[in-house]
C-alpha atoms as a PDB file:
ATOM      1  CA  MET A   1     120.519  49.738 221.803  1.00  0.00           C
ATOM      2  CA  THR A   2     116.904  48.769 221.628  1.00  0.00           C
ATOM      3  CA  GLY A   3     115.289  51.911 220.292  1.00  0.00           C
ATOM      4  CA  GLU A   4     115.953  55.139 218.489  1.00  0.00           C
ATOM      5  CA  PRO A   5     117.718  57.817 220.567  1.00  0.00           C
ATOM      6  CA  GLU A   6     115.666  60.758 221.828  1.00  0.00           C
ATOM      7  CA  VAL A   7     115.298  63.693 219.456  1.00  0.00           C
ATOM      8  CA  ARG A   8     116.242  66.927 221.085  1.00  0.00           C
ATOM      9  CA  TYR A   9     116.242  70.483 219.739  1.00  0.00           C
ATOM     10  CA  ALA A  10     118.882  73.177 219.448  1.00  0.00           C
ATOM     11  CA  GLN A  11     117.967  76.811 218.728  1.00  0.00           C
ATOM     12  CA  THR A  12     119.970  78.700 216.148  1.00  0.00           C
ATOM     13  CA  SER A  13     120.909  82.369 216.338  1.00  0.00           C
ATOM     14  CA  ASP A  14     118.208  83.098 213.748  1.00  0.00           C
ATOM     15  CA  ASP A  15     115.602  81.194 215.748  1.00  0.00           C
ATOM     16  CA  ILE A  16     115.369  77.884 213.798  1.00  0.00           C
ATOM     17  CA  ALA A  17     114.803  74.697 215.783  1.00  0.00           C
ATOM     18  CA  ILE A  18     117.392  71.982 214.781  1.00  0.00           C
ATOM     19  CA  ALA A  19     116.572  68.394 215.600  1.00  0.00           C
ATOM     20  CA  TYR A  20     119.555  66.378 216.845  1.00  0.00           C
ATOM     21  CA  GLN A  21     120.430  63.113 218.618  1.00  0.00           C
ATOM     22  CA  ALA A  22     123.432  62.237 220.755  1.00  0.00           C
ATOM     23  CA  VAL A  23     124.337  58.617 221.613  1.00  0.00           C
ATOM     24  CA  GLY A  24     127.363  56.839 223.021  1.00  0.00           C
ATOM     25  CA  SER A  25     130.349  58.166 224.939  1.00  0.00           C
ATOM     26  CA  GLY A  26     133.858  59.234 224.126  1.00  0.00           C
ATOM     27  CA  PRO A  27     135.155  61.952 221.776  1.00  0.00           C
ATOM     28  CA  VAL A  28     132.348  63.851 220.138  1.00  0.00           C
ATOM     29  CA  MET A  29     131.863  63.107 216.461  1.00  0.00           C
ATOM     30  CA  ILE A  30     129.287  65.195 214.605  1.00  0.00           C
ATOM     31  CA  TRP A  31     127.910  63.575 211.409  1.00  0.00           C
ATOM     32  CA  MET A  32     126.910  66.646 209.444  1.00  0.00           C
ATOM     33  CA  PRO A  33     123.816  66.163 207.257  1.00  0.00           C
ATOM     34  CA  SER A  34     123.181  66.298 203.567  1.00  0.00           C
ATOM     35  CA  LEU A  35     119.452  65.996 202.800  1.00  0.00           C
ATOM     36  CA  SER A  36     118.533  64.158 205.952  1.00  0.00           C
ATOM     37  CA  ASN A  37     115.819  62.632 208.161  1.00  0.00           C
ATOM     38  CA  ILE A  38     117.535  61.226 211.225  1.00  0.00           C
ATOM     39  CA  ARG A  39     114.375  59.420 212.433  1.00  0.00           C
ATOM     40  CA  ALA A  40     113.963  57.603 209.078  1.00  0.00           C
ATOM     41  CA  GLN A  41     117.731  56.881 208.861  1.00  0.00           C
ATOM     42  CA  TRP A  42     117.641  54.823 212.010  1.00  0.00           C
ATOM     43  CA  ARG A  43     115.198  52.509 210.181  1.00  0.00           C
ATOM     44  CA  VAL A  44     117.835  51.708 207.514  1.00  0.00           C
ATOM     45  CA  PRO A  45     119.516  48.496 208.785  1.00  0.00           C
ATOM     46  CA  ALA A  46     122.978  49.338 207.449  1.00  0.00           C
ATOM     47  CA  LEU A  47     122.888  52.880 208.814  1.00  0.00           C
ATOM     48  CA  ARG A  48     121.579  51.749 212.192  1.00  0.00           C
ATOM     49  CA  MET A  49     124.471  49.260 212.362  1.00  0.00           C
ATOM     50  CA  ALA A  50     126.902  52.050 211.530  1.00  0.00           C
ATOM     51  CA  TYR A  51     125.388  54.382 214.173  1.00  0.00           C
ATOM     52  CA  GLU A  52     125.499  51.662 216.801  1.00  0.00           C
ATOM     53  CA  ARG A  53     129.091  50.723 216.045  1.00  0.00           C
ATOM     54  CA  LEU A  54     130.401  54.232 215.968  1.00  0.00           C
ATOM     55  CA  SER A  55     128.660  55.099 219.222  1.00  0.00           C
ATOM     56  CA  GLN A  56     130.610  52.262 220.976  1.00  0.00           C
ATOM     57  CA  ASP A  57     133.765  54.363 220.789  1.00  0.00           C
ATOM     58  CA  LEU A  58     132.467  57.893 220.170  1.00  0.00           C
ATOM     59  CA  THR A  59     129.729  60.275 221.209  1.00  0.00           C
ATOM     60  CA  LEU A  60     127.856  60.221 217.913  1.00  0.00           C
ATOM     61  CA  VAL A  61     125.798  63.364 217.137  1.00  0.00           C
ATOM     62  CA  LEU A  62     123.340  63.371 214.236  1.00  0.00           C
ATOM     63  CA  TYR A  63     121.120  66.243 213.180  1.00  0.00           C
ATOM     64  CA  ASP A  64     118.737  67.455 210.524  1.00  0.00           C
ATOM     65  CA  GLY A  65     119.610  70.678 208.780  1.00  0.00           C
ATOM     66  CA  ARG A  66     117.030  73.444 208.673  1.00  0.00           C
ATOM     67  CA  GLY A  67     114.097  72.666 206.399  1.00  0.00           C
ATOM     68  CA  THR A  68     114.659  68.935 206.597  1.00  0.00           C
ATOM     69  CA  GLY A  69     113.695  65.963 208.705  1.00  0.00           C
ATOM     70  CA  SER A  70     112.452  66.779 212.166  1.00  0.00           C
ATOM     71  CA  SER A  71     114.010  70.279 212.183  1.00  0.00           C
ATOM     72  CA  ASP A  72     111.979  73.457 211.618  1.00  0.00           C
ATOM     73  CA  ARG A  73     110.540  73.214 208.134  1.00  0.00           C
ATOM     74  CA  ARG A  74     110.703  77.015 207.673  1.00  0.00           C
ATOM     75  CA  ALA A  75     113.765  76.633 205.522  1.00  0.00           C
ATOM     76  CA  GLY A  76     114.390  80.258 204.622  1.00  0.00           C
ATOM     77  CA  ASP A  77     118.071  80.809 203.970  1.00  0.00           C
ATOM     78  CA  LEU A  78     119.922  77.613 202.893  1.00  0.00           C
ATOM     79  CA  GLY A  79     123.278  79.123 202.152  1.00  0.00           C
ATOM     80  CA  LEU A  80     126.638  78.336 203.778  1.00  0.00           C
ATOM     81  CA  ASP A  81     126.214  80.760 206.744  1.00  0.00           C
ATOM     82  CA  ALA A  82     122.863  79.118 207.526  1.00  0.00           C
ATOM     83  CA  HIS A  83     124.445  75.651 207.616  1.00  0.00           C
ATOM     84  CA  LEU A  84     127.164  77.004 209.943  1.00  0.00           C
ATOM     85  CA  ARG A  85     124.443  78.430 212.256  1.00  0.00           C
ATOM     86  CA  ASP A  86     122.846  74.977 212.432  1.00  0.00           C
ATOM     87  CA  LEU A  87     126.155  73.291 213.260  1.00  0.00           C
ATOM     88  CA  GLU A  88     127.045  75.966 215.908  1.00  0.00           C
ATOM     89  CA  ALA A  89     123.637  75.509 217.575  1.00  0.00           C
ATOM     90  CA  VAL A  90     124.114  71.745 217.806  1.00  0.00           C
ATOM     91  CA  ILE A  91     127.621  72.045 219.225  1.00  0.00           C
ATOM     92  CA  GLU A  92     126.446  74.465 221.847  1.00  0.00           C
ATOM     93  CA  ALA A  93     123.464  72.204 222.741  1.00  0.00           C
ATOM     94  CA  VAL A  94     125.716  69.195 223.115  1.00  0.00           C
ATOM     95  CA  GLY A  95     128.046  71.213 225.323  1.00  0.00           C
ATOM     96  CA  ALA A  96     131.232  70.151 223.571  1.00  0.00           C
ATOM     97  CA  ASP A  97     134.384  72.264 223.785  1.00  0.00           C
ATOM     98  CA  ARG A  98     136.040  70.294 220.959  1.00  0.00           C
ATOM     99  CA  VAL A  99     134.527  68.173 218.227  1.00  0.00           C
ATOM    100  CA  ASN A 100     135.312  65.876 215.319  1.00  0.00           C
ATOM    101  CA  LEU A 101     133.418  66.476 212.085  1.00  0.00           C
ATOM    102  CA  LEU A 102     132.259  64.005 209.493  1.00  0.00           C
ATOM    103  CA  GLY A 103     131.279  65.995 206.393  1.00  0.00           C
ATOM    104  CA  TYR A 104     129.163  63.864 204.060  1.00  0.00           C
ATOM    105  CA  TYR A 105     128.405  64.948 200.500  1.00  0.00           C
ATOM    106  CA  HIS A 106     126.757  68.487 200.694  1.00  0.00           C
ATOM    107  CA  ALA A 107     128.078  68.991 204.261  1.00  0.00           C
ATOM    108  CA  VAL A 108     131.719  68.933 203.071  1.00  0.00           C
ATOM    109  CA  ALA A 109     131.860  72.728 202.363  1.00  0.00           C
ATOM    110  CA  ALA A 110     130.298  73.615 205.714  1.00  0.00           C
ATOM    111  CA  ALA A 111     132.686  71.255 207.561  1.00  0.00           C
ATOM    112  CA  VAL A 112     135.642  72.966 205.893  1.00  0.00           C
ATOM    113  CA  ALA A 113     134.338  76.433 206.631  1.00  0.00           C
ATOM    114  CA  TYR A 114     133.721  75.611 210.294  1.00  0.00           C
ATOM    115  CA  ALA A 115     137.105  74.001 210.776  1.00  0.00           C
ATOM    116  CA  ALA A 116     138.843  76.929 209.081  1.00  0.00           C
ATOM    117  CA  THR A 117     137.161  79.616 211.194  1.00  0.00           C
ATOM    118  CA  ASN A 118     137.115  77.600 214.492  1.00  0.00           C
ATOM    119  CA  PRO A 119     140.508  75.828 214.602  1.00  0.00           C
ATOM    120  CA  GLN A 120     140.486  75.715 218.379  1.00  0.00           C
ATOM    121  CA  ARG A 121     137.322  73.589 218.436  1.00  0.00           C
ATOM    122  CA  VAL A 122     137.957  70.910 215.798  1.00  0.00           C
ATOM    123  CA  ASP A 123     140.209  67.974 216.493  1.00  0.00           C
ATOM    124  CA  ARG A 124     139.920  65.979 213.314  1.00  0.00           C
ATOM    125  CA  MET A 125     137.797  65.916 210.143  1.00  0.00           C
ATOM    126  CA  LEU A 126     136.689  63.216 207.736  1.00  0.00           C
ATOM    127  CA  LEU A 127     135.237  64.292 204.374  1.00  0.00           C
ATOM    128  CA  PHE A 128     133.424  62.151 201.835  1.00  0.00           C
ATOM    129  CA  GLY A 129     131.678  62.877 198.569  1.00  0.00           C
ATOM    130  CA  GLY A 130     132.045  66.645 198.304  1.00  0.00           C
ATOM    131  CA  ALA A 131     134.465  69.373 197.244  1.00  0.00           C
ATOM    132  CA  ALA A 132     135.701  72.812 198.270  1.00  0.00           C
ATOM    133  CA  ARG A 133     133.865  74.121 195.195  1.00  0.00           C
ATOM    134  CA  MET A 134     130.696  72.042 195.512  1.00  0.00           C
ATOM    135  CA  ARG A 135     129.828  72.507 191.845  1.00  0.00           C
ATOM    136  CA  GLU A 136     132.795  70.246 191.067  1.00  0.00           C
ATOM    137  CA  ALA A 137     131.152  67.410 192.988  1.00  0.00           C
ATOM    138  CA  MET A 138     127.716  68.124 191.486  1.00  0.00           C
ATOM    139  CA  GLY A 139     128.750  68.833 187.870  1.00  0.00           C
ATOM    140  CA  PRO A 140     129.095  65.398 186.272  1.00  0.00           C
ATOM    141  CA  ALA A 141     126.285  64.534 183.815  1.00  0.00           C
ATOM    142  CA  GLN A 142     124.970  61.600 185.899  1.00  0.00           C
ATOM    143  CA  THR A 143     124.551  63.849 188.928  1.00  0.00           C
ATOM    144  CA  GLN A 144     122.828  66.543 186.897  1.00  0.00           C
ATOM    145  CA  ALA A 145     120.438  63.998 185.422  1.00  0.00           C
ATOM    146  CA  LEU A 146     119.549  62.863 188.922  1.00  0.00           C
ATOM    147  CA  LEU A 147     118.964  66.418 190.192  1.00  0.00           C
ATOM    148  CA  SER A 148     116.724  67.187 187.228  1.00  0.00           C
ATOM    149  CA  LEU A 149     114.210  64.755 188.745  1.00  0.00           C
ATOM    150  CA  VAL A 150     113.782  66.763 191.933  1.00  0.00           C
ATOM    151  CA  GLU A 151     110.992  68.888 190.530  1.00  0.00           C
ATOM    152  CA  GLN A 152     109.914  66.536 187.739  1.00  0.00           C
ATOM    153  CA  ASP A 153     109.177  63.458 189.822  1.00  0.00           C
ATOM    154  CA  TRP A 154     110.069  63.599 193.560  1.00  0.00           C
ATOM    155  CA  ASP A 155     109.313  59.857 194.211  1.00  0.00           C
ATOM    156  CA  LEU A 156     111.415  58.845 191.252  1.00  0.00           C
ATOM    157  CA  PHE A 157     114.265  61.071 192.500  1.00  0.00           C
ATOM    158  CA  ALA A 158     114.188  59.405 195.886  1.00  0.00           C
ATOM    159  CA  ASP A 159     114.221  55.888 194.398  1.00  0.00           C
ATOM    160  CA  ALA A 160     117.005  56.743 191.891  1.00  0.00           C
ATOM    161  CA  ALA A 161     119.170  58.514 194.406  1.00  0.00           C
ATOM    162  CA  ALA A 162     119.026  55.508 196.709  1.00  0.00           C
ATOM    163  CA  THR A 163     119.355  52.720 194.219  1.00  0.00           C
ATOM    164  CA  ALA A 164     121.170  53.963 191.137  1.00  0.00           C
ATOM    165  CA  TRP A 165     123.327  56.907 192.368  1.00  0.00           C
ATOM    166  CA  LEU A 166     124.255  55.835 195.895  1.00  0.00           C
ATOM    167  CA  GLY A 167     124.309  52.159 195.006  1.00  0.00           C
ATOM    168  CA  TRP A 168     122.138  50.762 197.761  1.00  0.00           C
ATOM    169  CA  GLY A 169     120.798  48.255 195.280  1.00  0.00           C
ATOM    170  CA  SER A 170     117.535  46.569 196.075  1.00  0.00           C
ATOM    171  CA  GLY A 171     116.007  45.166 199.216  1.00  0.00           C
ATOM    172  CA  GLU A 172     115.215  46.665 202.620  1.00  0.00           C
ATOM    173  CA  ASN A 173     118.218  49.004 202.825  1.00  0.00           C
ATOM    174  CA  ALA A 174     117.392  50.587 199.476  1.00  0.00           C
ATOM    175  CA  GLY A 175     113.709  50.990 200.203  1.00  0.00           C
ATOM    176  CA  ARG A 176     114.365  52.588 203.579  1.00  0.00           C
ATOM    177  CA  VAL A 177     116.998  54.955 202.146  1.00  0.00           C
ATOM    178  CA  ALA A 178     114.569  56.044 199.484  1.00  0.00           C
ATOM    179  CA  GLU A 179     111.941  56.638 202.141  1.00  0.00           C
ATOM    180  CA  ALA A 180     114.393  58.741 204.160  1.00  0.00           C
ATOM    181  CA  PHE A 181     115.079  60.901 201.105  1.00  0.00           C
ATOM    182  CA  ARG A 182     111.375  61.122 200.280  1.00  0.00           C
ATOM    183  CA  THR A 183     110.475  62.356 203.749  1.00  0.00           C
ATOM    184  CA  ALA A 184     113.542  64.520 204.294  1.00  0.00           C
ATOM    185  CA  ALA A 185     112.093  67.589 202.678  1.00  0.00           C
ATOM    186  CA  THR A 186     109.566  68.951 200.225  1.00  0.00           C
ATOM    187  CA  PRO A 187     110.625  69.047 196.529  1.00  0.00           C
ATOM    188  CA  ALA A 188     110.792  72.865 196.731  1.00  0.00           C
ATOM    189  CA  VAL A 189     113.148  72.798 199.693  1.00  0.00           C
ATOM    190  CA  ALA A 190     115.273  70.104 198.090  1.00  0.00           C
ATOM    191  CA  ARG A 191     115.515  72.200 194.914  1.00  0.00           C
ATOM    192  CA  ASP A 192     116.674  75.158 196.908  1.00  0.00           C
ATOM    193  CA  TRP A 193     119.042  73.019 199.036  1.00  0.00           C
ATOM    194  CA  PHE A 194     120.803  71.621 195.968  1.00  0.00           C
ATOM    195  CA  ALA A 195     120.942  75.006 194.233  1.00  0.00           C
ATOM    196  CA  GLU A 196     122.553  76.659 197.270  1.00  0.00           C
ATOM    197  CA  ALA A 197     124.968  73.725 197.651  1.00  0.00           C
ATOM    198  CA  ALA A 198     126.148  74.195 194.004  1.00  0.00           C
ATOM    199  CA  ARG A 199     127.056  77.799 194.861  1.00  0.00           C
ATOM    200  CA  MET A 200     129.195  76.983 197.885  1.00  0.00           C
ATOM    201  CA  ASP A 201     132.904  77.667 197.433  1.00  0.00           C
ATOM    202  CA  VAL A 202     135.248  77.446 200.367  1.00  0.00           C
ATOM    203  CA  SER A 203     138.426  77.028 198.343  1.00  0.00           C
ATOM    204  CA  ASP A 204     139.842  80.154 199.832  1.00  0.00           C
ATOM    205  CA  LEU A 205     139.510  78.696 203.317  1.00  0.00           C
ATOM    206  CA  LEU A 206     141.211  75.385 202.677  1.00  0.00           C
ATOM    207  CA  ASP A 207     144.712  76.405 203.712  1.00  0.00           C
ATOM    208  CA  GLN A 208     143.304  77.776 206.989  1.00  0.00           C
ATOM    209  CA  VAL A 209     142.216  74.335 208.106  1.00  0.00           C
ATOM    210  CA  VAL A 210     144.721  72.990 210.631  1.00  0.00           C
ATOM    211  CA  ALA A 211     142.773  69.979 211.840  1.00  0.00           C
ATOM    212  CA  PRO A 212     144.111  66.655 210.405  1.00  0.00           C
ATOM    213  CA  THR A 213     141.757  65.797 207.638  1.00  0.00           C
ATOM    214  CA  LEU A 214     141.009  62.366 206.015  1.00  0.00           C
ATOM    215  CA  VAL A 215     139.379  62.491 202.602  1.00  0.00           C
ATOM    216  CA  LEU A 216     137.810  59.223 201.509  1.00  0.00           C
ATOM    217  CA  HIS A 217     136.918  58.490 197.867  1.00  0.00           C
ATOM    218  CA  ARG A 218     134.874  55.685 196.364  1.00  0.00           C
ATOM    219  CA  GLN A 219     132.870  57.331 193.610  1.00  0.00           C
ATOM    220  CA  ALA A 220     133.057  56.401 189.955  1.00  0.00           C
ATOM    221  CA  ALA A 221     134.334  59.076 187.550  1.00  0.00           C
ATOM    222  CA  SER A 222     130.844  59.572 186.245  1.00  0.00           C
ATOM    223  CA  GLN A 223     129.765  60.654 189.749  1.00  0.00           C
ATOM    224  CA  ILE A 224     132.725  62.428 191.349  1.00  0.00           C
ATOM    225  CA  PRO A 225     136.157  62.115 189.700  1.00  0.00           C
ATOM    226  CA  VAL A 226     138.953  61.193 192.087  1.00  0.00           C
ATOM    227  CA  GLU A 227     140.783  64.436 191.074  1.00  0.00           C
ATOM    228  CA  VAL A 228     138.059  66.355 192.930  1.00  0.00           C
ATOM    229  CA  SER A 229     138.819  64.475 196.167  1.00  0.00           C
ATOM    230  CA  ARG A 230     142.539  64.767 195.571  1.00  0.00           C
ATOM    231  CA  ARG A 231     142.346  68.593 195.220  1.00  0.00           C
ATOM    232  CA  LEU A 232     140.344  68.723 198.468  1.00  0.00           C
ATOM    233  CA  ALA A 233     142.957  66.619 200.404  1.00  0.00           C
ATOM    234  CA  ASP A 234     145.851  68.568 198.885  1.00  0.00           C
ATOM    235  CA  GLY A 235     144.285  71.902 199.713  1.00  0.00           C
ATOM    236  CA  VAL A 236     144.231  71.531 203.460  1.00  0.00           C
ATOM    237  CA  ARG A 237     147.417  71.655 205.524  1.00  0.00           C
ATOM    238  CA  ASN A 238     147.247  68.152 206.970  1.00  0.00           C
ATOM    239  CA  GLY A 239     145.136  66.353 204.390  1.00  0.00           C
ATOM    240  CA  THR A 240     145.224  62.616 203.504  1.00  0.00           C
ATOM    241  CA  LEU A 241     143.415  61.035 200.582  1.00  0.00           C
ATOM    242  CA  VAL A 242     142.435  57.368 200.718  1.00  0.00           C
ATOM    243  CA  GLU A 243     140.729  55.668 197.800  1.00  0.00           C
ATOM    244  CA  LEU A 244     138.514  52.878 199.099  1.00  0.00           C
ATOM    245  CA  GLU A 245     138.063  49.593 197.349  1.00  0.00           C
ATOM    246  CA  GLY A 246     134.787  48.976 195.533  1.00  0.00           C
ATOM    247  CA  SER A 247     132.444  51.110 193.521  1.00  0.00           C
ATOM    248  CA  THR A 248     129.544  51.902 195.837  1.00  0.00           C
ATOM    249  CA  PRO A 249     129.612  55.744 196.341  1.00  0.00           C
ATOM    250  CA  THR A 250     128.601  55.631 199.962  1.00  0.00           C
ATOM    251  CA  LEU A 251     130.131  54.534 203.299  1.00  0.00           C
ATOM    252  CA  PHE A 252     129.217  51.605 205.434  1.00  0.00           C
ATOM    253  CA  VAL A 253     127.509  49.517 202.724  1.00  0.00           C
ATOM    254  CA  GLU A 254     130.191  47.837 200.621  1.00  0.00           C
ATOM    255  CA  GLY A 255     132.910  46.764 203.046  1.00  0.00           C
ATOM    256  CA  GLY A 256     130.885  48.220 205.878  1.00  0.00           C
ATOM    257  CA  ALA A 257     132.947  46.754 208.719  1.00  0.00           C
ATOM    258  CA  ARG A 258     136.175  47.984 207.191  1.00  0.00           C
ATOM    259  CA  ASP A 259     134.722  51.446 206.650  1.00  0.00           C
ATOM    260  CA  LEU A 260     133.598  51.596 210.239  1.00  0.00           C
ATOM    261  CA  ALA A 261     136.936  50.458 211.581  1.00  0.00           C
ATOM    262  CA  MET A 262     138.717  53.087 209.494  1.00  0.00           C
ATOM    263  CA  VAL A 263     136.444  55.897 210.602  1.00  0.00           C
ATOM    264  CA  SER A 264     136.568  54.953 214.266  1.00  0.00           C
ATOM    265  CA  ARG A 265     140.330  54.569 214.229  1.00  0.00           C
ATOM    266  CA  TRP A 266     140.790  57.916 212.523  1.00  0.00           C
ATOM    267  CA  PHE A 267     138.674  59.827 215.079  1.00  0.00           C
ATOM    268  CA  LEU A 268     140.144  58.002 218.038  1.00  0.00           C
ATOM    269  CA  THR A 269     143.837  57.946 217.129  1.00  0.00           C
ATOM    270  CA  GLY A 270     144.400  59.963 213.926  1.00  0.00           C
ATOM    271  CA  GLU A 271     145.763  56.822 212.263  1.00  0.00           C
ATOM    272  CA  VAL A 272     144.660  55.458 208.873  1.00  0.00           C
ATOM    273  CA  HIS A 273     143.978  51.747 208.791  1.00  0.00           C
ATOM    274  CA  ARG A 274     144.886  50.793 205.265  1.00  0.00           C
ATOM    275  CA  GLY A 275     143.173  47.419 205.083  1.00  0.00           C
ATOM    276  CA  SER A 276     140.197  48.821 203.134  1.00  0.00           C
ATOM    277  CA  ALA A 277     142.133  51.155 200.887  1.00  0.00           C
ATOM    278  CA  THR A 278     143.904  51.056 197.535  1.00  0.00           C
ATOM    279  CA  GLY A 279     147.360  52.396 196.930  1.00  0.00           C
ATOM    280  CA  SER A 280     146.378  56.106 196.717  1.00  0.00           C
ATOM    281  CA  GLY A 281     147.003  58.194 199.767  1.00  0.00           C
ATOM    282  CA  PRO A 282     149.867  59.190 201.981  1.00  0.00           C
ATOM    283  CA  ALA A 283     153.261  57.699 202.202  1.00  0.00           C
ATOM    284  CA  THR A 284     153.864  55.890 205.451  1.00  0.00           C
ATOM    285  CA  THR A 285     157.618  56.460 205.670  1.00  0.00           C
ATOM    286  CA  GLY A 286     157.740  59.713 207.623  1.00  0.00           C
ATOM    287  CA  PRO A 287     156.988  60.458 211.304  1.00  0.00           C
ATOM    288  CA  THR A 288     153.621  61.680 210.005  1.00  0.00           C
ATOM    289  CA  ALA A 289     152.181  60.540 206.668  1.00  0.00           C
ATOM    290  CA  LEU A 290     152.770  62.793 203.673  1.00  0.00           C
ATOM    291  CA  THR A 291     149.956  63.682 201.331  1.00  0.00           C
ATOM    292  CA  THR A 292     150.143  62.829 197.635  1.00  0.00           C
ATOM    293  CA  ARG A 293     151.000  66.426 196.784  1.00  0.00           C
ATOM    294  CA  GLU A 294     153.659  66.680 199.499  1.00  0.00           C
ATOM    295  CA  ARG A 295     155.335  63.578 198.079  1.00  0.00           C
ATOM    296  CA  GLU A 296     155.360  65.224 194.645  1.00  0.00           C
ATOM    297  CA  VAL A 297     156.904  68.402 196.073  1.00  0.00           C
ATOM    298  CA  LEU A 298     159.462  66.456 198.014  1.00  0.00           C
ATOM    299  CA  ARG A 299     160.455  64.459 194.908  1.00  0.00           C
ATOM    300  CA  LEU A 300     161.013  67.678 192.955  1.00  0.00           C
ATOM    301  CA  ILE A 301     162.867  69.387 195.803  1.00  0.00           C
ATOM    302  CA  ALA A 302     165.203  66.425 195.799  1.00  0.00           C
ATOM    303  CA  THR A 303     166.005  67.063 192.118  1.00  0.00           C
ATOM    304  CA  GLY A 304     167.156  70.612 192.954  1.00  0.00           C
ATOM    305  CA  ARG A 305     164.118  72.408 191.533  1.00  0.00           C
ATOM    306  CA  THR A 306     163.213  75.908 192.766  1.00  0.00           C
ATOM    307  CA  ASN A 307     159.797  76.589 194.202  1.00  0.00           C
ATOM    308  CA  ALA A 308     158.900  78.546 191.029  1.00  0.00           C
ATOM    309  CA  SER A 309     159.871  75.581 188.867  1.00  0.00           C
ATOM    310  CA  ILE A 310     157.894  73.125 191.018  1.00  0.00           C
ATOM    311  CA  ALA A 311     154.911  75.426 190.818  1.00  0.00           C
ATOM    312  CA  ARG A 312     155.073  75.429 186.976  1.00  0.00           C
ATOM    313  CA  ASP A 313     155.459  71.648 186.819  1.00  0.00           C
ATOM    314  CA  LEU A 314     152.542  70.943 189.106  1.00  0.00           C
ATOM    315  CA  GLY A 315     150.317  73.758 187.837  1.00  0.00           C
ATOM    316  CA  ILE A 316     149.882  75.352 191.271  1.00  0.00           C
ATOM    317  CA  ALA A 317     150.845  78.724 192.804  1.00  0.00           C
ATOM    318  CA  GLU A 318     154.328  79.244 194.179  1.00  0.00           C
ATOM    319  CA  HIS A 319     152.966  80.127 197.644  1.00  0.00           C
ATOM    320  CA  THR A 320     151.148  76.769 197.607  1.00  0.00           C
ATOM    321  CA  VAL A 321     154.432  75.029 196.988  1.00  0.00           C
ATOM    322  CA  GLU A 322     155.925  76.908 199.875  1.00  0.00           C
ATOM    323  CA  ARG A 323     153.088  75.769 202.144  1.00  0.00           C
ATOM    324  CA  HIS A 324     153.485  72.119 201.097  1.00  0.00           C
ATOM    325  CA  ALA A 325     157.193  72.359 201.635  1.00  0.00           C
ATOM    326  CA  ALA A 326     156.778  73.801 205.136  1.00  0.00           C
ATOM    327  CA  ASN A 327     154.280  71.066 205.940  1.00  0.00           C
ATOM    328  CA  LEU A 328     156.507  68.219 204.747  1.00  0.00           C
ATOM    329  CA  TYR A 329     159.586  69.727 206.562  1.00  0.00           C
ATOM    330  CA  ARG A 330     157.564  69.669 209.809  1.00  0.00           C
ATOM    331  CA  LYS A 331     156.303  66.109 209.229  1.00  0.00           C
ATOM    332  CA  LEU A 332     159.798  64.793 208.422  1.00  0.00           C
ATOM    333  CA  GLY A 333     161.539  66.697 211.177  1.00  0.00           C
ATOM    334  CA  VAL A 334     163.860  68.532 208.798  1.00  0.00           C
ATOM    335  CA  ARG A 335     164.775  72.194 208.613  1.00  0.00           C
ATOM    336  CA  SER A 336     166.000  72.846 205.081  1.00  0.00           C
ATOM    337  CA  ARG A 337     165.857  71.742 201.435  1.00  0.00           C
ATOM    338  CA  ALA A 338     169.196  70.006 201.897  1.00  0.00           C
ATOM    339  CA  GLU A 339     167.925  67.938 204.835  1.00  0.00           C
ATOM    340  CA  ALA A 340     164.718  67.175 202.955  1.00  0.00           C
ATOM    341  CA  THR A 341     166.728  66.000 199.921  1.00  0.00           C
ATOM    342  CA  ALA A 342     168.873  63.807 202.144  1.00  0.00           C
ATOM    343  CA  TRP A 343     165.762  62.250 203.725  1.00  0.00           C
ATOM    344  CA  ALA A 344     164.275  61.602 200.309  1.00  0.00           C
ATOM    345  CA  ILE A 345     167.420  59.864 199.116  1.00  0.00           C
ATOM    346  CA  ARG A 346     167.711  57.715 202.208  1.00  0.00           C
ATOM    347  CA  ASN A 347     164.089  56.632 202.009  1.00  0.00           C
ATOM    348  CA  GLY A 348     163.788  56.123 198.270  1.00  0.00           C
ATOM    349  CA  ALA A 349     161.487  59.095 197.745  1.00  0.00           C
ATOM    350  CA  ALA A 350     163.750  61.007 195.355  1.00  0.00           C
END
C-alpha cells in the first residue's frame, strides 16, 4: 500500500458523522478506537506496519469516535450508548452482516456491550487493556497521575501517554504517537471522554457474550493488574486469557510480528498461537481450550465438591459456578459431573 486509505463517513442515528477507513479483504475486523486520530495513526511506522499486515488477511476497519480525529467534533454525549451508536453506524456503512471486534483500552466496554446485545453479528472478539468495569483499568495511581495532566498540560499528557505509559520509548514512533494523541481531540473533549469511560460498567452483560473472546494482557501491575484482565476473560462464556511476554503495555511494538501473527490467527481460525505468550491462559488438553476459571472449577468438581462449596472457595456466585461447569462440560464433550471427573483424572487435571 503506497498511501493512506480513503476516509469515508458514516452517519449515526443521532446525526454525528463518523470518519472510518476500510482496507484489505477477508473477514471484517473492526478496530474500535480509544482516543484516536486515524489519519495521524497511519503516520506511526509501527502502526502502519500493523495495519498493512492485518489487512493482508482481513478487511480492517478503523474509525474515529465522535468528538475525535476526523469525525464530527461536536462531541455531545460520550457515554456507552453513544459509542455503540458510532460502532453501529460504521458496521452499517461497511455493509457487513457479521464482524470481528478488537476492543482496545477504552473501547473494551463498548465491544462487550455490542457483542452481548448483538450475538448474531459478532464472530470473535479480542480485548486488550480494559475491563468490564472500566474504573478498574483506570484506577491505578500511575494512570490517575497521567490523566491529571489532561487539563493541566495537554502537550505533556500526549508526550507522557506515548512514551512513559504506553512504552513507545523515544524516536519516530513515540513522536508520531504523541502527535496522534495531541491532535485526536481538544483537552475538554478528552477530559469528558475519560470521565465517561470511568463510569462504564458492563459487568452485568459479560455472561451474555457468546462470541469466543481472547483477552490479551501485557500491562505492569502499576498500570493494569493482571487480575483485571483475568476477571474479564473469566466473565464471558468462551473467554481465554493470554499473558504476553514483555512489559510494553501496547500491541504491535514489543514482539510486533508475534502479536500480529496471534491476532490474525485468532480472527481467521479462532486458534491461539502460543509462541508469544507466557504460561497463563487456557489448557490445551480439551476439544476446546478451557479458561483459567474453568480449569479451577473442573479441579474442584473432581474432588467431589458441590457447586455451593466451589463458589465459597473461589469467591464467586453459585450460578457463576453452574455457568462455568456447563461451559466446560460442553467443551470436553461430557454430560455429567462423573464424566467430567473421569476426564480430569485421565488428563491429569484433577
